[in-house]
């Protein structure tokens, strides 16, 4: 913060008269001279912000797991569209679908009717 040379000299003079540090004098002068509206803003700014929620995990979110299952199996929605709808990264949705919904055929090749 920059102040004019005139204001700086006045601040130094006031701090000398009071026998206080310039920073303490400046704080006292500013806080004593602000409007009621400014005080209300300060109160609002000074309030603690609500805690930031920890990142959600799809493995702990059965409601969105069910939603993904419905969108993937019933509606045939793309993974990218599902990710946008449920609010998880596409990579997370893709991994969950691969691990939980996509069935890999585990039959031996000899049981394949085409190859005999």
Protein backbone atom coordinates (compact mmCIF):
# COMPACT_ATOMS: atom_id res chain seq x y z
CA UNK A 1 0.00 0.00 0.00
CA UNK A 2 1.30 3.43 -0.89
CA UNK A 3 0.42 6.65 0.89
CA UNK A 4 1.32 10.19 0.00
CA UNK A 5 4.36 11.87 1.53
CA UNK A 6 2.04 14.32 3.33
CA UNK A 7 0.02 11.46 4.90
CA UNK A 8 3.23 9.64 5.86
CA UNK A 9 4.59 12.74 7.65
CA UNK A 10 1.28 13.18 9.48
CA UNK A 11 1.34 9.54 10.53
CA UNK A 12 4.88 9.85 11.85
CA UNK A 13 3.97 13.04 13.74
CA UNK A 14 0.90 11.39 15.31
CA UNK A 15 2.92 8.31 16.30
CA UNK A 16 5.55 10.56 17.90
CA UNK A 17 2.89 12.45 19.87
CA UNK A 18 1.18 9.22 21.01
CA UNK A 19 4.41 7.35 21.64
CA UNK A 20 3.17 4.42 19.56
CA UNK A 21 4.40 2.63 16.48
CA UNK A 22 3.15 4.12 13.20
CA UNK A 23 1.35 0.86 12.34
CA UNK A 24 -0.65 0.98 15.60
CA UNK A 25 -1.54 4.64 15.05
CA UNK A 26 -2.57 3.96 11.46
CA UNK A 27 -4.80 1.07 12.51
CA UNK A 28 -6.42 3.18 15.23
CA UNK A 29 -7.06 6.09 12.87
CA UNK A 30 -8.48 3.94 10.10
CA UNK A 31 -10.65 1.80 12.33
CA UNK A 32 -11.94 4.87 14.15
CA UNK A 33 -12.88 6.62 10.94
CA UNK A 34 -14.67 3.97 8.88
CA UNK A 35 -18.40 4.01 8.21
CA UNK A 36 -20.94 1.64 9.71
CA UNK A 37 -21.36 -0.04 6.32
CA UNK A 38 -17.61 -0.67 6.15
CA UNK A 39 -17.75 -2.17 9.65
CA UNK A 40 -20.50 -4.54 8.52
CA UNK A 41 -18.38 -5.59 5.54
CA UNK A 42 -15.46 -6.25 7.88
CA UNK A 43 -17.66 -8.43 10.07
CA UNK A 44 -18.76 -10.42 7.04
CA UNK A 45 -15.19 -10.79 5.79
CA UNK A 46 -14.03 -11.83 9.23
CA UNK A 47 -16.45 -14.73 9.48
CA UNK A 48 -14.94 -18.12 9.06
CA UNK A 49 -15.55 -19.69 5.71
CA UNK A 50 -17.48 -22.93 5.82
CA UNK A 51 -15.15 -25.92 5.83
CA UNK A 52 -14.18 -27.19 2.43
CA UNK A 53 -15.70 -30.62 1.98
CA UNK A 54 -13.23 -33.40 1.39
CA UNK A 55 -13.25 -34.77 -2.13
CA UNK A 56 -16.08 -37.21 -2.61
CA UNK A 57 -15.30 -40.78 -3.56
CA UNK A 58 -17.46 -42.71 -5.97
CA UNK A 59 -16.79 -45.87 -3.97
CA UNK A 60 -18.56 -44.20 -1.02
CA UNK A 61 -21.47 -42.85 -3.09
CA UNK A 62 -24.09 -45.57 -3.68
CA UNK A 63 -26.67 -43.10 -5.03
CA UNK A 64 -24.38 -42.05 -7.88
CA UNK A 65 -23.29 -45.64 -8.44
CA UNK A 66 -26.94 -46.51 -9.04
CA UNK A 67 -27.32 -43.48 -11.31
CA UNK A 68 -24.26 -44.52 -13.33
CA UNK A 69 -25.60 -48.05 -13.61
CA UNK A 70 -28.94 -46.74 -14.90
CA UNK A 71 -27.39 -44.30 -17.37
CA UNK A 72 -24.92 -46.88 -18.69
CA UNK A 73 -27.02 -50.04 -18.84
CA UNK A 74 -30.53 -48.74 -19.42
CA UNK A 75 -30.04 -45.55 -21.38
CA UNK A 76 -26.72 -46.25 -23.09
CA UNK A 77 -25.33 -42.86 -22.10
CA UNK A 78 -21.67 -42.15 -22.92
CA UNK A 79 -19.10 -42.16 -20.14
CA UNK A 80 -18.35 -38.47 -20.67
CA UNK A 81 -22.04 -37.54 -20.38
CA UNK A 82 -22.41 -39.72 -17.29
CA UNK A 83 -19.38 -38.05 -15.71
CA UNK A 84 -20.87 -34.62 -16.32
CA UNK A 85 -24.21 -35.65 -14.87
CA UNK A 86 -22.89 -37.25 -11.68
CA UNK A 87 -20.08 -34.74 -11.10
CA UNK A 88 -17.09 -37.07 -11.14
CA UNK A 89 -14.11 -37.05 -13.51
CA UNK A 90 -14.59 -39.10 -16.66
CA UNK A 91 -11.61 -41.28 -15.73
CA UNK A 92 -13.25 -42.15 -12.39
CA UNK A 93 -16.53 -43.03 -14.08
CA UNK A 94 -14.77 -45.09 -16.76
CA UNK A 95 -12.79 -47.04 -14.17
CA UNK A 96 -15.90 -47.67 -12.06
CA UNK A 97 -17.86 -48.90 -15.10
CA UNK A 98 -14.98 -51.15 -16.15
CA UNK A 99 -14.63 -52.62 -12.66
CA UNK A 100 -18.32 -52.94 -11.84
CA UNK A 101 -20.45 -53.13 -14.95
CA UNK A 102 -18.50 -54.45 -17.92
CA UNK A 103 -18.51 -58.24 -17.91
CA UNK A 104 -15.59 -59.96 -19.58
CA UNK A 105 -16.40 -63.31 -21.13
CA UNK A 106 -14.30 -65.79 -19.17
CA UNK A 107 -15.18 -68.92 -21.17
CA UNK A 108 -12.24 -70.88 -22.58
CA UNK A 109 -11.67 -70.49 -26.32
CA UNK A 110 -12.49 -74.17 -26.95
CA UNK A 111 -16.09 -73.53 -25.89
CA UNK A 112 -16.47 -70.94 -28.64
CA UNK A 113 -18.97 -72.34 -31.15
CA UNK A 114 -17.22 -70.60 -34.05
CA UNK A 115 -13.76 -72.10 -33.42
CA UNK A 116 -15.13 -75.44 -32.22
